[in-house]
Amino acid sequence: MKQQDNLIETIIDSIKDKKGNNIVCADLTEIEGSSVQNFVICSAKSTTQVTAIADNIREETQNALMIKPFGYDGYQNSQWIVIDYGYIYVHVFLQETREYYKLEQLWNDAKLVQIPNED
């Protein structure tokens, strides 16, 4: 398994650990001009949960894989936190914010994979 696959798997597990939902992985490798290979997108029910998910992703990728993000932004209001791993961007959205920006529709020519919610 490639390091990229391990990173995506760790990110998804970290989201599920904090009860994030509606996880979508977008493969952007076939899209000309894309500055990134993958998006991992998820939703949260509160700004507190958005922060908890983002923190958990950063901690688990560091602990399990020794990978730190290049950067992150959005903690100011915690409605949309993006974490930059170079070739993977993780988008942790407050549900209403995700519905407003419709990121999946902007990238609808990407290969989208829905990860089942864990109830």
PDB file of N, CA and C in Angstrom:
ATOM      1  N   MET A   1       0.847  -1.189   0.000  1.00  0.00           N
ATOM      2  CA  MET A   1       0.000   0.000   0.000  1.00  0.00           C
ATOM      3  C   MET A   1       0.882   1.240   0.000  1.00  0.00           C
ATOM      4  N   LYS A   2       0.537   2.178  -0.854  1.00  0.00           N
ATOM      5  CA  LYS A   2       1.316   3.399  -0.959  1.00  0.00           C
ATOM      6  C   LYS A   2       1.096   4.290   0.250  1.00  0.00           C
ATOM      7  N   GLN A   3       2.049   5.178   0.488  1.00  0.00           N
ATOM      8  CA  GLN A   3       1.931   6.122   1.603  1.00  0.00           C
ATOM      9  C   GLN A   3       0.669   6.970   1.450  1.00  0.00           C
ATOM     10  N   GLN A   4       0.333   7.340   0.216  1.00  0.00           N
ATOM     11  CA  GLN A   4      -0.873   8.139  -0.020  1.00  0.00           C
ATOM     12  C   GLN A   4      -2.114   7.379   0.446  1.00  0.00           C
ATOM     13  N   ASP A   5      -2.198   6.081   0.137  1.00  0.00           N
ATOM     14  CA  ASP A   5      -3.339   5.276   0.574  1.00  0.00           C
ATOM     15  C   ASP A   5      -3.387   5.184   2.092  1.00  0.00           C
ATOM     16  N   ASN A   6      -2.235   5.009   2.723  1.00  0.00           N
ATOM     17  CA  ASN A   6      -2.178   4.971   4.191  1.00  0.00           C
ATOM     18  C   ASN A   6      -2.652   6.285   4.779  1.00  0.00           C
ATOM     19  N   LEU A   7      -2.252   7.396   4.172  1.00  0.00           N
ATOM     20  CA  LEU A   7      -2.655   8.704   4.675  1.00  0.00           C
ATOM     21  C   LEU A   7      -4.167   8.888   4.548  1.00  0.00           C
ATOM     22  N   ILE A   8      -4.724   8.551   3.401  1.00  0.00           N
ATOM     23  CA  ILE A   8      -6.171   8.683   3.211  1.00  0.00           C
ATOM     24  C   ILE A   8      -6.918   7.798   4.208  1.00  0.00           C
ATOM     25  N   GLU A   9      -6.471   6.574   4.382  1.00  0.00           N
ATOM     26  CA  GLU A   9      -7.114   5.656   5.332  1.00  0.00           C
ATOM     27  C   GLU A   9      -7.052   6.201   6.758  1.00  0.00           C
ATOM     28  N   THR A  10      -5.903   6.736   7.155  1.00  0.00           N
ATOM     29  CA  THR A  10      -5.745   7.313   8.491  1.00  0.00           C
ATOM     30  C   THR A  10      -6.653   8.533   8.663  1.00  0.00           C
ATOM     31  N   ILE A  11      -6.750   9.358   7.634  1.00  0.00           N
ATOM     32  CA  ILE A  11      -7.629  10.530   7.675  1.00  0.00           C
ATOM     33  C   ILE A  11      -9.081  10.094   7.866  1.00  0.00           C
ATOM     34  N   ILE A  12      -9.522   9.125   7.080  1.00  0.00           N
ATOM     35  CA  ILE A  12     -10.906   8.644   7.183  1.00  0.00           C
ATOM     36  C   ILE A  12     -11.180   8.066   8.566  1.00  0.00           C
ATOM     37  N   ASP A  13     -10.262   7.247   9.074  1.00  0.00           N
ATOM     38  CA  ASP A  13     -10.426   6.676  10.416  1.00  0.00           C
ATOM     39  C   ASP A  13     -10.495   7.774  11.477  1.00  0.00           C
ATOM     40  N   SER A  14      -9.681   8.811  11.314  1.00  0.00           N
ATOM     41  CA  SER A  14      -9.667   9.927  12.269  1.00  0.00           C
ATOM     42  C   SER A  14     -10.983  10.693  12.256  1.00  0.00           C
ATOM     43  N   ILE A  15     -11.573  10.824  11.076  1.00  0.00           N
ATOM     44  CA  ILE A  15     -12.882  11.482  10.956  1.00  0.00           C
ATOM     45  C   ILE A  15     -13.945  10.640  11.662  1.00  0.00           C
ATOM     46  N   LYS A  16     -13.933   9.342  11.379  1.00  0.00           N
ATOM     47  CA  LYS A  16     -14.922   8.450  11.986  1.00  0.00           C
ATOM     48  C   LYS A  16     -14.781   8.414  13.512  1.00  0.00           C
ATOM     49  N   ASP A  17     -13.550   8.487  14.008  1.00  0.00           N
ATOM     50  CA  ASP A  17     -13.315   8.478  15.466  1.00  0.00           C
ATOM     51  C   ASP A  17     -14.065   9.607  16.170  1.00  0.00           C
ATOM     52  N   LYS A  18     -14.229  10.727  15.485  1.00  0.00           N
ATOM     53  CA  LYS A  18     -14.901  11.895  16.077  1.00  0.00           C
ATOM     54  C   LYS A  18     -16.303  12.081  15.505  1.00  0.00           C
ATOM     55  N   LYS A  19     -16.843  10.997  14.938  1.00  0.00           N
ATOM     56  CA  LYS A  19     -18.235  10.968  14.465  1.00  0.00           C
ATOM     57  C   LYS A  19     -18.531  11.931  13.321  1.00  0.00           C
ATOM     58  N   GLY A  20     -17.506  12.224  12.511  1.00  0.00           N
ATOM     59  CA  GLY A  20     -17.751  12.982  11.292  1.00  0.00           C
ATOM     60  C   GLY A  20     -18.581  12.134  10.343  1.00  0.00           C
ATOM     61  N   ASN A  21     -19.341  12.781   9.456  1.00  0.00           N
ATOM     62  CA  ASN A  21     -20.186  11.998   8.561  1.00  0.00           C
ATOM     63  C   ASN A  21     -20.134  12.530   7.133  1.00  0.00           C
ATOM     64  N   ASN A  22     -20.864  11.826   6.259  1.00  0.00           N
ATOM     65  CA  ASN A  22     -20.910  12.178   4.831  1.00  0.00           C
ATOM     66  C   ASN A  22     -19.506  12.362   4.256  1.00  0.00           C
ATOM     67  N   ILE A  23     -18.654  11.375   4.502  1.00  0.00           N
ATOM     68  CA  ILE A  23     -17.275  11.429   4.020  1.00  0.00           C
ATOM     69  C   ILE A  23     -17.246  11.101   2.529  1.00  0.00           C
ATOM     70  N   VAL A  24     -16.575  11.965   1.778  1.00  0.00           N
ATOM     71  CA  VAL A  24     -16.403  11.753   0.346  1.00  0.00           C
ATOM     72  C   VAL A  24     -14.924  11.904   0.023  1.00  0.00           C
ATOM     73  N   CYS A  25     -14.406  10.956  -0.758  1.00  0.00           N
ATOM     74  CA  CYS A  25     -13.046  11.061  -1.285  1.00  0.00           C
ATOM     75  C   CYS A  25     -13.168  11.417  -2.765  1.00  0.00           C
ATOM     76  N   ALA A  26     -12.491  12.470  -3.161  1.00  0.00           N
ATOM     77  CA  ALA A  26     -12.507  12.918  -4.553  1.00  0.00           C
ATOM     78  C   ALA A  26     -11.124  12.706  -5.146  1.00  0.00           C
ATOM     79  N   ASP A  27     -11.062  11.912  -6.212  1.00  0.00           N
ATOM     80  CA  ASP A  27      -9.814  11.664  -6.936  1.00  0.00           C
ATOM     81  C   ASP A  27      -9.728  12.689  -8.062  1.00  0.00           C
ATOM     82  N   LEU A  28      -8.783  13.605  -7.935  1.00  0.00           N
ATOM     83  CA  LEU A  28      -8.636  14.698  -8.901  1.00  0.00           C
ATOM     84  C   LEU A  28      -7.477  14.473  -9.868  1.00  0.00           C
ATOM     85  N   THR A  29      -6.896  13.281  -9.872  1.00  0.00           N
ATOM     86  CA  THR A  29      -5.695  13.037 -10.677  1.00  0.00           C
ATOM     87  C   THR A  29      -5.929  13.184 -12.178  1.00  0.00           C
ATOM     88  N   GLU A  30      -7.154  12.961 -12.636  1.00  0.00           N
ATOM     89  CA  GLU A  30      -7.442  13.059 -14.076  1.00  0.00           C
ATOM     90  C   GLU A  30      -7.894  14.458 -14.487  1.00  0.00           C
ATOM     91  N   ILE A  31      -7.951  15.393 -13.545  1.00  0.00           N
ATOM     92  CA  ILE A  31      -8.448  16.727 -13.849  1.00  0.00           C
ATOM     93  C   ILE A  31      -7.276  17.653 -14.162  1.00  0.00           C
ATOM     94  N   GLU A  32      -7.260  18.137 -15.379  1.00  0.00           N
ATOM     95  CA  GLU A  32      -6.180  19.014 -15.819  1.00  0.00           C
ATOM     96  C   GLU A  32      -6.214  20.312 -15.023  1.00  0.00           C
ATOM     97  N   GLY A  33      -5.070  20.734 -14.568  1.00  0.00           N
ATOM     98  CA  GLY A  33      -4.957  21.986 -13.850  1.00  0.00           C
ATOM     99  C   GLY A  33      -5.202  21.885 -12.358  1.00  0.00           C
ATOM    100  N   SER A  34      -5.571  20.717 -11.880  1.00  0.00           N
ATOM    101  CA  SER A  34      -5.791  20.560 -10.441  1.00  0.00           C
ATOM    102  C   SER A  34      -4.461  20.631  -9.709  1.00  0.00           C
ATOM    103  N   SER A  35      -4.431  21.383  -8.616  1.00  0.00           N
ATOM    104  CA  SER A  35      -3.188  21.541  -7.868  1.00  0.00           C
ATOM    105  C   SER A  35      -3.003  20.450  -6.816  1.00  0.00           C
ATOM    106  N   VAL A  36      -3.950  19.523  -6.744  1.00  0.00           N
ATOM    107  CA  VAL A  36      -3.927  18.492  -5.713  1.00  0.00           C
ATOM    108  C   VAL A  36      -4.471  17.198  -6.313  1.00  0.00           C
ATOM    109  N   GLN A  37      -4.083  16.051  -5.733  1.00  0.00           N
ATOM    110  CA  GLN A  37      -4.529  14.763  -6.264  1.00  0.00           C
ATOM    111  C   GLN A  37      -5.844  14.284  -5.640  1.00  0.00           C
ATOM    112  N   ASN A  38      -6.054  14.595  -4.368  1.00  0.00           N
ATOM    113  CA  ASN A  38      -7.240  14.097  -3.675  1.00  0.00           C
ATOM    114  C   ASN A  38      -7.803  15.129  -2.712  1.00  0.00           C
ATOM    115  N   PHE A  39      -9.121  15.102  -2.574  1.00  0.00           N
ATOM    116  CA  PHE A  39      -9.824  15.782  -1.487  1.00  0.00           C
ATOM    117  C   PHE A  39     -10.435  14.699  -0.611  1.00  0.00           C
ATOM    118  N   VAL A  40     -10.427  14.923   0.685  1.00  0.00           N
ATOM    119  CA  VAL A  40     -11.264  14.157   1.587  1.00  0.00           C
ATOM    120  C   VAL A  40     -12.160  15.202   2.247  1.00  0.00           C
ATOM    121  N   ILE A  41     -13.459  15.008   2.115  1.00  0.00           N
ATOM    122  CA  ILE A  41     -14.442  15.983   2.584  1.00  0.00           C
ATOM    123  C   ILE A  41     -15.347  15.306   3.600  1.00  0.00           C
ATOM    124  N   CYS A  42     -15.656  16.011   4.678  1.00  0.00           N
ATOM    125  CA  CYS A  42     -16.594  15.466   5.649  1.00  0.00           C
ATOM    126  C   CYS A  42     -17.396  16.583   6.288  1.00  0.00           C
ATOM    127  N   SER A  43     -18.440  16.188   7.014  1.00  0.00           N
ATOM    128  CA  SER A  43     -19.321  17.137   7.688  1.00  0.00           C
ATOM    129  C   SER A  43     -19.334  16.883   9.185  1.00  0.00           C
ATOM    130  N   ALA A  44     -19.659  17.948   9.914  1.00  0.00           N
ATOM    131  CA  ALA A  44     -19.814  17.888  11.364  1.00  0.00           C
ATOM    132  C   ALA A  44     -21.060  18.659  11.749  1.00  0.00           C
ATOM    133  N   LYS A  45     -21.584  18.354  12.933  1.00  0.00           N
ATOM    134  CA  LYS A  45     -22.839  18.956  13.383  1.00  0.00           C
ATOM    135  C   LYS A  45     -22.654  20.272  14.131  1.00  0.00           C
ATOM    136  N   SER A  46     -21.439  20.573  14.576  1.00  0.00           N
ATOM    137  CA  SER A  46     -21.185  21.808  15.338  1.00  0.00           C
ATOM    138  C   SER A  46     -19.763  22.283  15.063  1.00  0.00           C
ATOM    139  N   THR A  47     -19.506  23.549  15.378  1.00  0.00           N
ATOM    140  CA  THR A  47     -18.148  24.070  15.204  1.00  0.00           C
ATOM    141  C   THR A  47     -17.180  23.365  16.154  1.00  0.00           C
ATOM    142  N   THR A  48     -17.660  22.967  17.320  1.00  0.00           N
ATOM    143  CA  THR A  48     -16.810  22.217  18.255  1.00  0.00           C
ATOM    144  C   THR A  48     -16.385  20.894  17.637  1.00  0.00           C
ATOM    145  N   GLN A  49     -17.321  20.226  16.959  1.00  0.00           N
ATOM    146  CA  GLN A  49     -16.994  18.954  16.317  1.00  0.00           C
ATOM    147  C   GLN A  49     -16.065  19.165  15.118  1.00  0.00           C
ATOM    148  N   VAL A  50     -16.250  20.242  14.364  1.00  0.00           N
ATOM    149  CA  VAL A  50     -15.336  20.551  13.250  1.00  0.00           C
ATOM    150  C   VAL A  50     -13.907  20.632  13.779  1.00  0.00           C
ATOM    151  N   THR A  51     -13.716  21.375  14.859  1.00  0.00           N
ATOM    152  CA  THR A  51     -12.386  21.521  15.465  1.00  0.00           C
ATOM    153  C   THR A  51     -11.858  20.184  15.964  1.00  0.00           C
ATOM    154  N   ALA A  52     -12.707  19.414  16.626  1.00  0.00           N
ATOM    155  CA  ALA A  52     -12.271  18.115  17.167  1.00  0.00           C
ATOM    156  C   ALA A  52     -11.837  17.164  16.057  1.00  0.00           C
ATOM    157  N   ILE A  53     -12.578  17.144  14.954  1.00  0.00           N
ATOM    158  CA  ILE A  53     -12.216  16.276  13.831  1.00  0.00           C
ATOM    159  C   ILE A  53     -10.877  16.719  13.242  1.00  0.00           C
ATOM    160  N   ALA A  54     -10.731  18.012  12.975  1.00  0.00           N
ATOM    161  CA  ALA A  54      -9.484  18.517  12.386  1.00  0.00           C
ATOM    162  C   ALA A  54      -8.291  18.236  13.300  1.00  0.00           C
ATOM    163  N   ASP A  55      -8.460  18.477  14.594  1.00  0.00           N
ATOM    164  CA  ASP A  55      -7.376  18.192  15.545  1.00  0.00           C
ATOM    165  C   ASP A  55      -7.014  16.715  15.529  1.00  0.00           C
ATOM    166  N   ASN A  56      -8.039  15.852  15.503  1.00  0.00           N
ATOM    167  CA  ASN A  56      -7.787  14.409  15.527  1.00  0.00           C
ATOM    168  C   ASN A  56      -7.065  13.949  14.264  1.00  0.00           C
ATOM    169  N   ILE A  57      -7.432  14.495  13.125  1.00  0.00           N
ATOM    170  CA  ILE A  57      -6.744  14.151  11.876  1.00  0.00           C
ATOM    171  C   ILE A  57      -5.262  14.508  11.988  1.00  0.00           C
ATOM    172  N   ARG A  58      -4.978  15.725  12.441  1.00  0.00           N
ATOM    173  CA  ARG A  58      -3.587  16.172  12.548  1.00  0.00           C
ATOM    174  C   ARG A  58      -2.803  15.312  13.541  1.00  0.00           C
ATOM    175  N   GLU A  59      -3.414  14.985  14.677  1.00  0.00           N
ATOM    176  CA  GLU A  59      -2.736  14.166  15.694  1.00  0.00           C
ATOM    177  C   GLU A  59      -2.485  12.746  15.199  1.00  0.00           C
ATOM    178  N   GLU A  60      -3.501  12.131  14.599  1.00  0.00           N
ATOM    179  CA  GLU A  60      -3.375  10.732  14.176  1.00  0.00           C
ATOM    180  C   GLU A  60      -2.413  10.563  13.001  1.00  0.00           C
ATOM    181  N   THR A  61      -2.404  11.496  12.057  1.00  0.00           N
ATOM    182  CA  THR A  61      -1.458  11.370  10.947  1.00  0.00           C
ATOM    183  C   THR A  61      -0.024  11.547  11.451  1.00  0.00           C
ATOM    184  N   GLN A  62       0.147  12.408  12.435  1.00  0.00           N
ATOM    185  CA  GLN A  62       1.472  12.598  13.041  1.00  0.00           C
ATOM    186  C   GLN A  62       1.881  11.350  13.821  1.00  0.00           C
ATOM    187  N   ASN A  63       0.988  10.844  14.671  1.00  0.00           N
ATOM    188  CA  ASN A  63       1.320   9.697  15.525  1.00  0.00           C
ATOM    189  C   ASN A  63       1.486   8.401  14.743  1.00  0.00           C
ATOM    190  N   ALA A  64       0.576   8.130  13.814  1.00  0.00           N
ATOM    191  CA  ALA A  64       0.585   6.856  13.099  1.00  0.00           C
ATOM    192  C   ALA A  64       1.568   6.826  11.938  1.00  0.00           C
ATOM    193  N   LEU A  65       1.712   7.954  11.229  1.00  0.00           N
ATOM    194  CA  LEU A  65       2.493   7.963   9.993  1.00  0.00           C
ATOM    195  C   LEU A  65       3.676   8.925  10.007  1.00  0.00           C
ATOM    196  N   MET A  66       3.793   9.710  11.104  1.00  0.00           N
ATOM    197  CA  MET A  66       4.846  10.719  11.199  1.00  0.00           C
ATOM    198  C   MET A  66       4.741  11.744  10.065  1.00  0.00           C
ATOM    199  N   ILE A  67       3.496  12.082   9.709  1.00  0.00           N
ATOM    200  CA  ILE A  67       3.243  13.059   8.648  1.00  0.00           C
ATOM    201  C   ILE A  67       2.547  14.259   9.263  1.00  0.00           C
ATOM    202  N   LYS A  68       3.134  15.430   9.055  1.00  0.00           N
ATOM    203  CA  LYS A  68       2.531  16.685   9.489  1.00  0.00           C
ATOM    204  C   LYS A  68       1.994  17.405   8.261  1.00  0.00           C
ATOM    205  N   PRO A  69       0.904  18.143   8.421  1.00  0.00           N
ATOM    206  CA  PRO A  69       0.402  18.910   7.275  1.00  0.00           C
ATOM    207  C   PRO A  69       1.336  20.071   6.947  1.00  0.00           C
ATOM    208  N   PHE A  70       1.289  20.501   5.689  1.00  0.00           N
ATOM    209  CA  PHE A  70       2.044  21.684   5.278  1.00  0.00           C
ATOM    210  C   PHE A  70       1.416  22.931   5.856  1.00  0.00           C
ATOM    211  N   GLY A  71       0.113  22.871   6.074  1.00  0.00           N
ATOM    212  CA  GLY A  71      -0.596  24.002   6.645  1.00  0.00           C
ATOM    213  C   GLY A  71      -2.039  23.647   6.882  1.00  0.00           C
ATOM    214  N   TYR A  72      -2.736  24.551   7.539  1.00  0.00           N
ATOM    215  CA  TYR A  72      -4.170  24.390   7.787  1.00  0.00           C
ATOM    216  C   TYR A  72      -4.748  25.763   8.056  1.00  0.00           C
ATOM    217  N   ASP A  73      -6.045  25.891   7.816  1.00  0.00           N
ATOM    218  CA  ASP A  73      -6.703  27.181   8.011  1.00  0.00           C
ATOM    219  C   ASP A  73      -8.173  26.945   8.317  1.00  0.00           C
ATOM    220  N   GLY A  74      -8.773  27.899   9.002  1.00  0.00           N
ATOM    221  CA  GLY A  74     -10.198  27.848   9.270  1.00  0.00           C
ATOM    222  C   GLY A  74     -10.563  27.725  10.731  1.00  0.00           C
ATOM    223  N   TYR A  75      -9.560  27.628  11.598  1.00  0.00           N
ATOM    224  CA  TYR A  75      -9.836  27.482  13.023  1.00  0.00           C
ATOM    225  C   TYR A  75     -10.469  28.740  13.632  1.00  0.00           C
ATOM    226  N   GLN A  76     -10.370  29.873  12.937  1.00  0.00           N
ATOM    227  CA  GLN A  76     -10.897  31.124  13.483  1.00  0.00           C
ATOM    228  C   GLN A  76     -12.391  31.008  13.785  1.00  0.00           C
ATOM    229  N   ASN A  77     -13.157  30.432  12.851  1.00  0.00           N
ATOM    230  CA  ASN A  77     -14.598  30.285  13.098  1.00  0.00           C
ATOM    231  C   ASN A  77     -15.058  28.824  13.057  1.00  0.00           C
ATOM    232  N   SER A  78     -14.179  27.929  12.639  1.00  0.00           N
ATOM    233  CA  SER A  78     -14.430  26.475  12.633  1.00  0.00           C
ATOM    234  C   SER A  78     -15.696  26.079  11.886  1.00  0.00           C
ATOM    235  N   GLN A  79     -15.996  26.806  10.824  1.00  0.00           N
ATOM    236  CA  GLN A  79     -17.099  26.386   9.951  1.00  0.00           C
ATOM    237  C   GLN A  79     -16.583  25.548   8.787  1.00  0.00           C
ATOM    238  N   TRP A  80     -15.313  25.789   8.420  1.00  0.00           N
ATOM    239  CA  TRP A  80     -14.672  25.032   7.342  1.00  0.00           C
ATOM    240  C   TRP A  80     -13.167  25.067   7.623  1.00  0.00           C
ATOM    241  N   ILE A  81     -12.632  23.934   8.017  1.00  0.00           N
ATOM    242  CA  ILE A  81     -11.189  23.836   8.237  1.00  0.00           C
ATOM    243  C   ILE A  81     -10.607  23.003   7.102  1.00  0.00           C
ATOM    244  N   VAL A  82      -9.575  23.527   6.472  1.00  0.00           N
ATOM    245  CA  VAL A  82      -8.869  22.791   5.429  1.00  0.00           C
ATOM    246  C   VAL A  82      -7.477  22.462   5.957  1.00  0.00           C
ATOM    247  N   ILE A  83      -7.059  21.213   5.706  1.00  0.00           N
ATOM    248  CA  ILE A  83      -5.737  20.744   6.114  1.00  0.00           C
ATOM    249  C   ILE A  83      -5.003  20.325   4.846  1.00  0.00           C
ATOM    250  N   ASP A  84      -3.817  20.870   4.641  1.00  0.00           N
ATOM    251  CA  ASP A  84      -3.039  20.669   3.413  1.00  0.00           C
ATOM    252  C   ASP A  84      -1.927  19.659   3.652  1.00  0.00           C
ATOM    253  N   TYR A  85      -2.053  18.495   3.016  1.00  0.00           N
ATOM    254  CA  TYR A  85      -0.992  17.478   3.063  1.00  0.00           C
ATOM    255  C   TYR A  85      -0.227  17.418   1.735  1.00  0.00           C
ATOM    256  N   GLY A  86      -0.240  18.502   0.995  1.00  0.00           N
ATOM    257  CA  GLY A  86       0.489  18.557  -0.271  1.00  0.00           C
ATOM    258  C   GLY A  86      -0.348  18.019  -1.411  1.00  0.00           C
ATOM    259  N   TYR A  87      -0.467  16.717  -1.520  1.00  0.00           N
ATOM    260  CA  TYR A  87      -1.237  16.103  -2.593  1.00  0.00           C
ATOM    261  C   TYR A  87      -2.643  15.732  -2.143  1.00  0.00           C
ATOM    262  N   ILE A  88      -2.947  15.933  -0.864  1.00  0.00           N
ATOM    263  CA  ILE A  88      -4.284  15.686  -0.323  1.00  0.00           C
ATOM    264  C   ILE A  88      -4.715  16.902   0.495  1.00  0.00           C
ATOM    265  N   TYR A  89      -5.910  17.403   0.197  1.00  0.00           N
ATOM    266  CA  TYR A  89      -6.519  18.441   1.026  1.00  0.00           C
ATOM    267  C   TYR A  89      -7.695  17.809   1.753  1.00  0.00           C
ATOM    268  N   VAL A  90      -7.756  18.052   3.052  1.00  0.00           N
ATOM    269  CA  VAL A  90      -8.876  17.575   3.853  1.00  0.00           C
ATOM    270  C   VAL A  90      -9.761  18.771   4.166  1.00  0.00           C
ATOM    271  N   HIS A  91     -11.054  18.634   3.883  1.00  0.00           N
ATOM    272  CA  HIS A  91     -12.024  19.695   4.138  1.00  0.00           C
ATOM    273  C   HIS A  91     -13.002  19.205   5.199  1.00  0.00           C
ATOM    274  N   VAL A  92     -12.983  19.853   6.363  1.00  0.00           N
ATOM    275  CA  VAL A  92     -13.891  19.510   7.451  1.00  0.00           C
ATOM    276  C   VAL A  92     -14.899  20.655   7.559  1.00  0.00           C
ATOM    277  N   PHE A  93     -16.130  20.351   7.236  1.00  0.00           N
ATOM    278  CA  PHE A  93     -17.171  21.369   7.134  1.00  0.00           C
ATOM    279  C   PHE A  93     -18.203  21.247   8.240  1.00  0.00           C
ATOM    280  N   LEU A  94     -18.697  22.392   8.694  1.00  0.00           N
ATOM    281  CA  LEU A  94     -19.975  22.446   9.379  1.00  0.00           C
ATOM    282  C   LEU A  94     -21.011  22.130   8.301  1.00  0.00           C
ATOM    283  N   GLN A  95     -21.999  21.295   8.615  1.00  0.00           N
ATOM    284  CA  GLN A  95     -22.935  20.809   7.597  1.00  0.00           C
ATOM    285  C   GLN A  95     -23.533  21.938   6.758  1.00  0.00           C
ATOM    286  N   GLU A  96     -23.997  23.021   7.396  1.00  0.00           N
ATOM    287  CA  GLU A  96     -24.616  24.120   6.647  1.00  0.00           C
ATOM    288  C   GLU A  96     -23.619  24.793   5.704  1.00  0.00           C
ATOM    289  N   THR A  97     -22.380  24.893   6.138  1.00  0.00           N
ATOM    290  CA  THR A  97     -21.339  25.516   5.315  1.00  0.00           C
ATOM    291  C   THR A  97     -21.038  24.644   4.105  1.00  0.00           C
ATOM    292  N   ARG A  98     -21.013  23.335   4.307  1.00  0.00           N
ATOM    293  CA  ARG A  98     -20.777  22.418   3.188  1.00  0.00           C
ATOM    294  C   ARG A  98     -21.901  22.523   2.165  1.00  0.00           C
ATOM    295  N   GLU A  99     -23.131  22.603   2.640  1.00  0.00           N
ATOM    296  CA  GLU A  99     -24.264  22.719   1.731  1.00  0.00           C
ATOM    297  C   GLU A  99     -24.202  24.033   0.949  1.00  0.00           C
ATOM    298  N   TYR A 100     -23.698  25.080   1.563  1.00  0.00           N
ATOM    299  CA  TYR A 100     -23.588  26.377   0.898  1.00  0.00           C
ATOM    300  C   TYR A 100     -22.527  26.355  -0.212  1.00  0.00           C
ATOM    301  N   TYR A 101     -21.344  25.823   0.084  1.00  0.00           N
ATOM    302  CA  TYR A 101     -20.237  25.866  -0.878  1.00  0.00           C
ATOM    303  C   TYR A 101     -20.286  24.769  -1.927  1.00  0.00           C
ATOM    304  N   LYS A 102     -20.943  23.653  -1.629  1.00  0.00           N
ATOM    305  CA  LYS A 102     -21.143  22.575  -2.609  1.00  0.00           C
ATOM    306  C   LYS A 102     -19.837  22.181  -3.326  1.00  0.00           C
ATOM    307  N   LEU A 103     -18.823  21.908  -2.528  1.00  0.00           N
ATOM    308  CA  LEU A 103     -17.500  21.596  -3.075  1.00  0.00           C
ATOM    309  C   LEU A 103     -17.532  20.411  -4.045  1.00  0.00           C
ATOM    310  N   GLU A 104     -18.318  19.397  -3.723  1.00  0.00           N
ATOM    311  CA  GLU A 104     -18.397  18.230  -4.622  1.00  0.00           C
ATOM    312  C   GLU A 104     -18.955  18.608  -5.990  1.00  0.00           C
ATOM    313  N   GLN A 105     -19.877  19.566  -6.024  1.00  0.00           N
ATOM    314  CA  GLN A 105     -20.432  19.992  -7.310  1.00  0.00           C
ATOM    315  C   GLN A 105     -19.405  20.781  -8.113  1.00  0.00           C
ATOM    316  N   LEU A 106     -18.565  21.557  -7.422  1.00  0.00           N
ATOM    317  CA  LEU A 106     -17.511  22.293  -8.125  1.00  0.00           C
ATOM    318  C   LEU A 106     -16.534  21.336  -8.803  1.00  0.00           C
ATOM    319  N   TRP A 107     -16.324  20.177  -8.188  1.00  0.00           N
ATOM    320  CA  TRP A 107     -15.383  19.182  -8.699  1.00  0.00           C
ATOM    321  C   TRP A 107     -16.126  17.939  -9.164  1.00  0.00           C
ATOM    322  N   ASN A 108     -17.289  18.120  -9.798  1.00  0.00           N
ATOM    323  CA  ASN A 108     -18.120  16.968 -10.142  1.00  0.00           C
ATOM    324  C   ASN A 108     -17.541  16.105 -11.259  1.00  0.00           C
ATOM    325  N   ASP A 109     -16.492  16.570 -11.924  1.00  0.00           N
ATOM    326  CA  ASP A 109     -15.835  15.727 -12.919  1.00  0.00           C
ATOM    327  C   ASP A 109     -14.761  14.839 -12.284  1.00  0.00           C
ATOM    328  N   ALA A 110     -14.570  14.948 -10.982  1.00  0.00           N
ATOM    329  CA  ALA A 110     -13.653  14.063 -10.258  1.00  0.00           C
ATOM    330  C   ALA A 110     -14.346  12.737  -9.989  1.00  0.00           C
ATOM    331  N   LYS A 111     -13.547  11.720  -9.709  1.00  0.00           N
ATOM    332  CA  LYS A 111     -14.101  10.437  -9.277  1.00  0.00           C
ATOM    333  C   LYS A 111     -14.424  10.573  -7.793  1.00  0.00           C
ATOM    334  N   LEU A 112     -15.720  10.491  -7.447  1.00  0.00           N
ATOM    335  CA  LEU A 112     -16.165  10.664  -6.080  1.00  0.00           C
ATOM    336  C   LEU A 112     -16.523   9.307  -5.467  1.00  0.00           C
ATOM    337  N   VAL A 113     -15.997   9.062  -4.275  1.00  0.00           N
ATOM    338  CA  VAL A 113     -16.313   7.831  -3.555  1.00  0.00           C
ATOM    339  C   VAL A 113     -16.911   8.221  -2.209  1.00  0.00           C
ATOM    340  N   GLN A 114     -18.159   7.789  -1.983  1.00  0.00           N
ATOM    341  CA  GLN A 114     -18.841   8.047  -0.715  1.00  0.00           C
ATOM    342  C   GLN A 114     -18.455   6.948   0.269  1.00  0.00           C
ATOM    343  N   ILE A 115     -17.997   7.350   1.461  1.00  0.00           N
ATOM    344  CA  ILE A 115     -17.668   6.404   2.525  1.00  0.00           C
ATOM    345  C   ILE A 115     -18.914   6.254   3.397  1.00  0.00           C
ATOM    346  N   PRO A 116     -19.365   5.032   3.632  1.00  0.00           N
ATOM    347  CA  PRO A 116     -20.590   4.848   4.449  1.00  0.00           C
ATOM    348  C   PRO A 116     -20.451   5.439   5.844  1.00  0.00           C
ATOM    349  N   ASN A 117     -21.527   6.077   6.313  1.00  0.00           N
ATOM    350  CA  ASN A 117     -21.555   6.591   7.685  1.00  0.00           C
ATOM    351  C   ASN A 117     -21.608   5.430   8.667  1.00  0.00           C
ATOM    352  N   GLU A 118     -20.993   5.636   9.822  1.00  0.00           N
ATOM    353  CA  GLU A 118     -21.083   4.650  10.893  1.00  0.00           C
ATOM    354  C   GLU A 118     -22.068   5.181  11.909  1.00  0.00           C
ATOM    355  N   ASP A 119     -23.134   4.449  12.148  1.00  0.00           N
ATOM    356  CA  ASP A 119     -24.158   4.931  13.076  1.00  0.00           C
ATOM    357  C   ASP A 119     -23.995   4.349  14.462  1.00  0.00           C
TER     358      ASP A 119
END
